[in-house]
Amino acid sequence: MKKIITLVSIIVGGIALDLLTKLLVANLMDLGQSIALIPGVLNLTYIHNRGAAFGMLADHRWVFMVISSVAIIGIGIYLFRFCKERMLLKVGLALIVSGGIGNMIDRIFYGYVIDMIDFCLFDFWMWIFNVADACVCVGAGIVILALILDMIKEGKEKKKKNADKQ
């Protein structure tokens, strides 16, 4: 039960933080306005994103809503019903669900996603994102890390098993 409460807290906390930051930006900034938080590194830039992650494939709202809904529901069912893996994998999946729901709320109510985190340290980085996007990306990174750690663990167990046979 404690693990379920932790996972639900991660999901609800991520959604709440995402919605709060979007609400503040939408109410306190003008569309297109940019404020340097750390000059040359990080700006707060208010934009509307009508596409997928980082603005790709703009104006395909219904496609994203269907794909996102299926993914959120599928990952959620797996997370709470079938996932018997370590907590690290579950945390990653909870973050992905959280971010997916956060952006889905925007698409349903506004028809676009509010983005504001403008990482401008590198010239090649041109995307503006939000807390929900960060949750999805960090969650995916944690899932990958958990899977790599599981593969390493399985490899060590297999190696030990083979050594014990000899």
C-alpha atoms as a PDB file:
ATOM      1  CA  MET A   1       0.000   0.000   0.000  1.00  0.00           C
ATOM      2  CA  LYS A   2       2.882   2.367   0.801  1.00  0.00           C
ATOM      3  CA  LYS A   3       4.299   1.890  -2.711  1.00  0.00           C
ATOM      4  CA  ILE A   4       0.926   2.679  -4.289  1.00  0.00           C
ATOM      5  CA  ILE A   5       0.639   5.871  -2.230  1.00  0.00           C
ATOM      6  CA  THR A   6       4.156   6.842  -3.319  1.00  0.00           C
ATOM      7  CA  LEU A   7       3.361   6.267  -7.001  1.00  0.00           C
ATOM      8  CA  VAL A   8       0.045   8.131  -6.817  1.00  0.00           C
ATOM      9  CA  SER A   9       1.846  10.988  -5.032  1.00  0.00           C
ATOM     10  CA  ILE A  10       4.431  11.174  -7.825  1.00  0.00           C
ATOM     11  CA  ILE A  11       1.684  11.274 -10.457  1.00  0.00           C
ATOM     12  CA  VAL A  12      -0.484  13.830  -8.652  1.00  0.00           C
ATOM     13  CA  GLY A  13       2.534  15.912  -7.615  1.00  0.00           C
ATOM     14  CA  GLY A  14       3.871  16.047 -11.165  1.00  0.00           C
ATOM     15  CA  ILE A  15       0.475  17.037 -12.551  1.00  0.00           C
ATOM     16  CA  ALA A  16       0.018  19.700  -9.864  1.00  0.00           C
ATOM     17  CA  LEU A  17       3.467  21.214 -10.437  1.00  0.00           C
ATOM     18  CA  ASP A  18       2.911  21.210 -14.192  1.00  0.00           C
ATOM     19  CA  LEU A  19      -0.511  22.853 -13.950  1.00  0.00           C
ATOM     20  CA  LEU A  20       0.709  25.411 -11.407  1.00  0.00           C
ATOM     21  CA  THR A  21       3.645  26.506 -13.554  1.00  0.00           C
ATOM     22  CA  LYS A  22       1.414  26.738 -16.636  1.00  0.00           C
ATOM     23  CA  LEU A  23      -1.212  28.721 -14.738  1.00  0.00           C
ATOM     24  CA  LEU A  24       1.373  31.173 -13.407  1.00  0.00           C
ATOM     25  CA  VAL A  25       3.002  31.692 -16.789  1.00  0.00           C
ATOM     26  CA  ALA A  26      -0.326  32.096 -18.606  1.00  0.00           C
ATOM     27  CA  ASN A  27      -1.581  34.633 -16.057  1.00  0.00           C
ATOM     28  CA  LEU A  28       1.606  36.599 -15.414  1.00  0.00           C
ATOM     29  CA  MET A  29       3.254  36.715 -18.840  1.00  0.00           C
ATOM     30  CA  ASP A  30       2.275  37.783 -22.338  1.00  0.00           C
ATOM     31  CA  LEU A  31       2.378  35.196 -25.096  1.00  0.00           C
ATOM     32  CA  GLY A  32       5.866  35.259 -26.626  1.00  0.00           C
ATOM     33  CA  GLN A  33       7.370  37.108 -23.656  1.00  0.00           C
ATOM     34  CA  SER A  34      10.745  35.865 -22.460  1.00  0.00           C
ATOM     35  CA  ILE A  35      12.417  36.488 -19.103  1.00  0.00           C
ATOM     36  CA  ALA A  36      16.054  35.557 -18.468  1.00  0.00           C
ATOM     37  CA  LEU A  37      16.228  33.497 -15.285  1.00  0.00           C
ATOM     38  CA  ILE A  38      19.898  32.617 -15.696  1.00  0.00           C
ATOM     39  CA  PRO A  39      21.189  34.843 -18.513  1.00  0.00           C
ATOM     40  CA  GLY A  40      22.581  32.829 -21.391  1.00  0.00           C
ATOM     41  CA  VAL A  41      21.458  29.547 -19.817  1.00  0.00           C
ATOM     42  CA  LEU A  42      17.761  29.511 -18.922  1.00  0.00           C
ATOM     43  CA  ASN A  43      14.831  31.690 -19.935  1.00  0.00           C
ATOM     44  CA  LEU A  44      11.169  31.594 -19.087  1.00  0.00           C
ATOM     45  CA  THR A  45       9.463  31.959 -22.477  1.00  0.00           C
ATOM     46  CA  TYR A  46       5.688  31.677 -22.813  1.00  0.00           C
ATOM     47  CA  ILE A  47       4.540  29.892 -25.969  1.00  0.00           C
ATOM     48  CA  HIS A  48       1.658  27.723 -27.162  1.00  0.00           C
ATOM     49  CA  ASN A  49       2.726  24.360 -28.552  1.00  0.00           C
ATOM     50  CA  ARG A  50       0.181  22.833 -30.930  1.00  0.00           C
ATOM     51  CA  GLY A  51       2.389  19.838 -31.727  1.00  0.00           C
ATOM     52  CA  ALA A  52       3.870  16.864 -29.915  1.00  0.00           C
ATOM     53  CA  ALA A  53       6.987  16.960 -27.785  1.00  0.00           C
ATOM     54  CA  PHE A  54       9.102  20.024 -28.558  1.00  0.00           C
ATOM     55  CA  GLY A  55       6.537  21.273 -31.117  1.00  0.00           C
ATOM     56  CA  MET A  56       6.970  18.462 -33.629  1.00  0.00           C
ATOM     57  CA  LEU A  57       4.064  17.739 -36.002  1.00  0.00           C
ATOM     58  CA  ALA A  58       2.031  20.798 -35.089  1.00  0.00           C
ATOM     59  CA  ASP A  59      -1.737  20.880 -35.535  1.00  0.00           C
ATOM     60  CA  HIS A  60      -2.345  17.133 -35.166  1.00  0.00           C
ATOM     61  CA  ARG A  61      -4.131  17.535 -31.811  1.00  0.00           C
ATOM     62  CA  TRP A  62      -6.487  14.552 -32.127  1.00  0.00           C
ATOM     63  CA  VAL A  63      -3.723  12.168 -33.124  1.00  0.00           C
ATOM     64  CA  PHE A  64      -1.740  13.130 -30.018  1.00  0.00           C
ATOM     65  CA  MET A  65      -4.806  12.917 -27.812  1.00  0.00           C
ATOM     66  CA  VAL A  66      -5.634   9.390 -28.984  1.00  0.00           C
ATOM     67  CA  ILE A  67      -2.047   8.132 -28.827  1.00  0.00           C
ATOM     68  CA  SER A  68      -1.464   9.845 -25.466  1.00  0.00           C
ATOM     69  CA  SER A  69      -4.687   8.457 -24.006  1.00  0.00           C
ATOM     70  CA  VAL A  70      -3.852   4.913 -25.065  1.00  0.00           C
ATOM     71  CA  ALA A  71      -0.293   5.256 -23.730  1.00  0.00           C
ATOM     72  CA  ILE A  72      -1.379   6.800 -20.407  1.00  0.00           C
ATOM     73  CA  ILE A  73      -4.036   4.143 -19.839  1.00  0.00           C
ATOM     74  CA  GLY A  74      -1.735   1.300 -20.910  1.00  0.00           C
ATOM     75  CA  ILE A  75       1.184   2.436 -18.768  1.00  0.00           C
ATOM     76  CA  GLY A  76      -1.147   3.143 -15.836  1.00  0.00           C
ATOM     77  CA  ILE A  77      -2.698  -0.330 -15.998  1.00  0.00           C
ATOM     78  CA  TYR A  78       0.723  -1.942 -16.281  1.00  0.00           C
ATOM     79  CA  LEU A  79       2.092   0.185 -13.430  1.00  0.00           C
ATOM     80  CA  PHE A  80      -0.674  -0.532 -10.923  1.00  0.00           C
ATOM     81  CA  ARG A  81      -1.816  -4.002 -11.994  1.00  0.00           C
ATOM     82  CA  PHE A  82       1.034  -5.961 -13.532  1.00  0.00           C
ATOM     83  CA  CYS A  83       4.390  -4.328 -12.767  1.00  0.00           C
ATOM     84  CA  LYS A  84       6.218  -6.476 -10.243  1.00  0.00           C
ATOM     85  CA  GLU A  85       9.561  -4.885 -10.984  1.00  0.00           C
ATOM     86  CA  ARG A  86      11.712  -2.770  -8.710  1.00  0.00           C
ATOM     87  CA  MET A  87      10.555   0.606  -7.500  1.00  0.00           C
ATOM     88  CA  LEU A  88      12.953   2.460  -9.821  1.00  0.00           C
ATOM     89  CA  LEU A  89      11.032   1.271 -12.884  1.00  0.00           C
ATOM     90  CA  LYS A  90       7.722   2.151 -11.225  1.00  0.00           C
ATOM     91  CA  VAL A  91       8.905   5.695 -10.434  1.00  0.00           C
ATOM     92  CA  GLY A  92       9.935   6.181 -14.062  1.00  0.00           C
ATOM     93  CA  LEU A  93       6.569   4.950 -15.306  1.00  0.00           C
ATOM     94  CA  ALA A  94       4.725   7.158 -12.785  1.00  0.00           C
ATOM     95  CA  LEU A  95       6.612  10.210 -14.070  1.00  0.00           C
ATOM     96  CA  ILE A  96       5.708   9.340 -17.665  1.00  0.00           C
ATOM     97  CA  VAL A  97       2.027   9.010 -16.717  1.00  0.00           C
ATOM     98  CA  SER A  98       2.186  12.287 -14.806  1.00  0.00           C
ATOM     99  CA  GLY A  99       3.644  14.189 -17.753  1.00  0.00           C
ATOM    100  CA  GLY A 100       1.235  12.598 -20.189  1.00  0.00           C
ATOM    101  CA  ILE A 101      -1.757  13.624 -18.097  1.00  0.00           C
ATOM    102  CA  GLY A 102      -0.400  17.149 -17.574  1.00  0.00           C
ATOM    103  CA  ASN A 103      -0.106  17.791 -21.300  1.00  0.00           C
ATOM    104  CA  MET A 104      -3.382  15.990 -22.038  1.00  0.00           C
ATOM    105  CA  ILE A 105      -5.201  18.427 -19.746  1.00  0.00           C
ATOM    106  CA  ASP A 106      -3.868  21.339 -21.805  1.00  0.00           C
ATOM    107  CA  ARG A 107      -4.813  19.726 -25.123  1.00  0.00           C
ATOM    108  CA  ILE A 108      -8.352  19.022 -23.914  1.00  0.00           C
ATOM    109  CA  PHE A 109      -9.030  22.460 -22.433  1.00  0.00           C
ATOM    110  CA  TYR A 110      -6.977  24.759 -24.695  1.00  0.00           C
ATOM    111  CA  GLY A 111      -6.230  22.845 -27.869  1.00  0.00           C
ATOM    112  CA  TYR A 112      -2.508  23.429 -27.288  1.00  0.00           C
ATOM    113  CA  VAL A 113       0.119  22.879 -24.608  1.00  0.00           C
ATOM    114  CA  ILE A 114       1.612  25.764 -22.638  1.00  0.00           C
ATOM    115  CA  ASP A 115       5.414  25.634 -22.732  1.00  0.00           C
ATOM    116  CA  MET A 116       7.825  27.899 -20.891  1.00  0.00           C
ATOM    117  CA  ILE A 117      11.200  26.318 -20.054  1.00  0.00           C
ATOM    118  CA  ASP A 118      13.686  27.717 -22.553  1.00  0.00           C
ATOM    119  CA  PHE A 119      17.120  26.149 -22.093  1.00  0.00           C
ATOM    120  CA  CYS A 120      19.349  28.388 -24.198  1.00  0.00           C
ATOM    121  CA  LEU A 121      22.900  27.421 -23.190  1.00  0.00           C
ATOM    122  CA  PHE A 122      23.624  25.580 -26.434  1.00  0.00           C
ATOM    123  CA  ASP A 123      22.994  27.003 -29.912  1.00  0.00           C
ATOM    124  CA  PHE A 124      21.628  23.692 -31.204  1.00  0.00           C
ATOM    125  CA  TRP A 125      18.944  23.525 -28.472  1.00  0.00           C
ATOM    126  CA  MET A 126      15.895  25.279 -29.858  1.00  0.00           C
ATOM    127  CA  TRP A 127      12.996  23.685 -28.024  1.00  0.00           C
ATOM    128  CA  ILE A 128      10.861  25.167 -25.286  1.00  0.00           C
ATOM    129  CA  PHE A 129       9.190  22.688 -22.966  1.00  0.00           C
ATOM    130  CA  ASN A 130       7.258  22.415 -19.693  1.00  0.00           C
ATOM    131  CA  VAL A 131       7.228  20.437 -16.440  1.00  0.00           C
ATOM    132  CA  ALA A 132       5.103  17.667 -18.010  1.00  0.00           C
ATOM    133  CA  ASP A 133       7.642  17.234 -20.826  1.00  0.00           C
ATOM    134  CA  ALA A 134      10.426  17.102 -18.247  1.00  0.00           C
ATOM    135  CA  CYS A 135       8.512  14.426 -16.299  1.00  0.00           C
ATOM    136  CA  VAL A 136       8.137  12.300 -19.430  1.00  0.00           C
ATOM    137  CA  CYS A 137      11.817  12.661 -20.395  1.00  0.00           C
ATOM    138  CA  VAL A 138      13.168  12.070 -16.885  1.00  0.00           C
ATOM    139  CA  GLY A 139      10.736   9.181 -16.460  1.00  0.00           C
ATOM    140  CA  ALA A 140      11.909   7.619 -19.727  1.00  0.00           C
ATOM    141  CA  GLY A 141      15.519   8.025 -18.614  1.00  0.00           C
ATOM    142  CA  ILE A 142      14.727   6.303 -15.309  1.00  0.00           C
ATOM    143  CA  VAL A 143      12.945   3.454 -17.126  1.00  0.00           C
ATOM    144  CA  ILE A 144      15.994   2.974 -19.378  1.00  0.00           C
ATOM    145  CA  LEU A 145      18.313   3.037 -16.340  1.00  0.00           C
ATOM    146  CA  ALA A 146      16.121   0.496 -14.523  1.00  0.00           C
ATOM    147  CA  LEU A 147      16.142  -1.813 -17.551  1.00  0.00           C
ATOM    148  CA  ILE A 148      19.933  -1.534 -17.904  1.00  0.00           C
ATOM    149  CA  LEU A 149      20.389  -2.295 -14.190  1.00  0.00           C
ATOM    150  CA  ASP A 150      18.086  -5.314 -14.545  1.00  0.00           C
ATOM    151  CA  MET A 151      20.101  -6.574 -17.533  1.00  0.00           C
ATOM    152  CA  ILE A 152      23.340  -6.190 -15.564  1.00  0.00           C
ATOM    153  CA  LYS A 153      21.807  -8.019 -12.593  1.00  0.00           C
ATOM    154  CA  GLU A 154      20.547 -10.843 -14.832  1.00  0.00           C
ATOM    155  CA  GLY A 155      23.972 -11.104 -16.472  1.00  0.00           C
ATOM    156  CA  LYS A 156      25.701 -11.392 -13.100  1.00  0.00           C
ATOM    157  CA  GLU A 157      23.192 -13.994 -11.919  1.00  0.00           C
ATOM    158  CA  LYS A 158      23.667 -16.004 -15.120  1.00  0.00           C
ATOM    159  CA  LYS A 159      27.444 -15.770 -14.794  1.00  0.00           C
ATOM    160  CA  LYS A 160      27.259 -16.915 -11.148  1.00  0.00           C
ATOM    161  CA  LYS A 161      24.918 -19.765 -12.072  1.00  0.00           C
ATOM    162  CA  ASN A 162      27.333 -20.910 -14.791  1.00  0.00           C
ATOM    163  CA  ALA A 163      30.274 -20.664 -12.378  1.00  0.00           C
ATOM    164  CA  ASP A 164      28.372 -22.734  -9.784  1.00  0.00           C
ATOM    165  CA  LYS A 165      27.730 -25.471 -12.360  1.00  0.00           C
ATOM    166  CA  GLN A 166      31.474 -25.901 -12.946  1.00  0.00           C
END
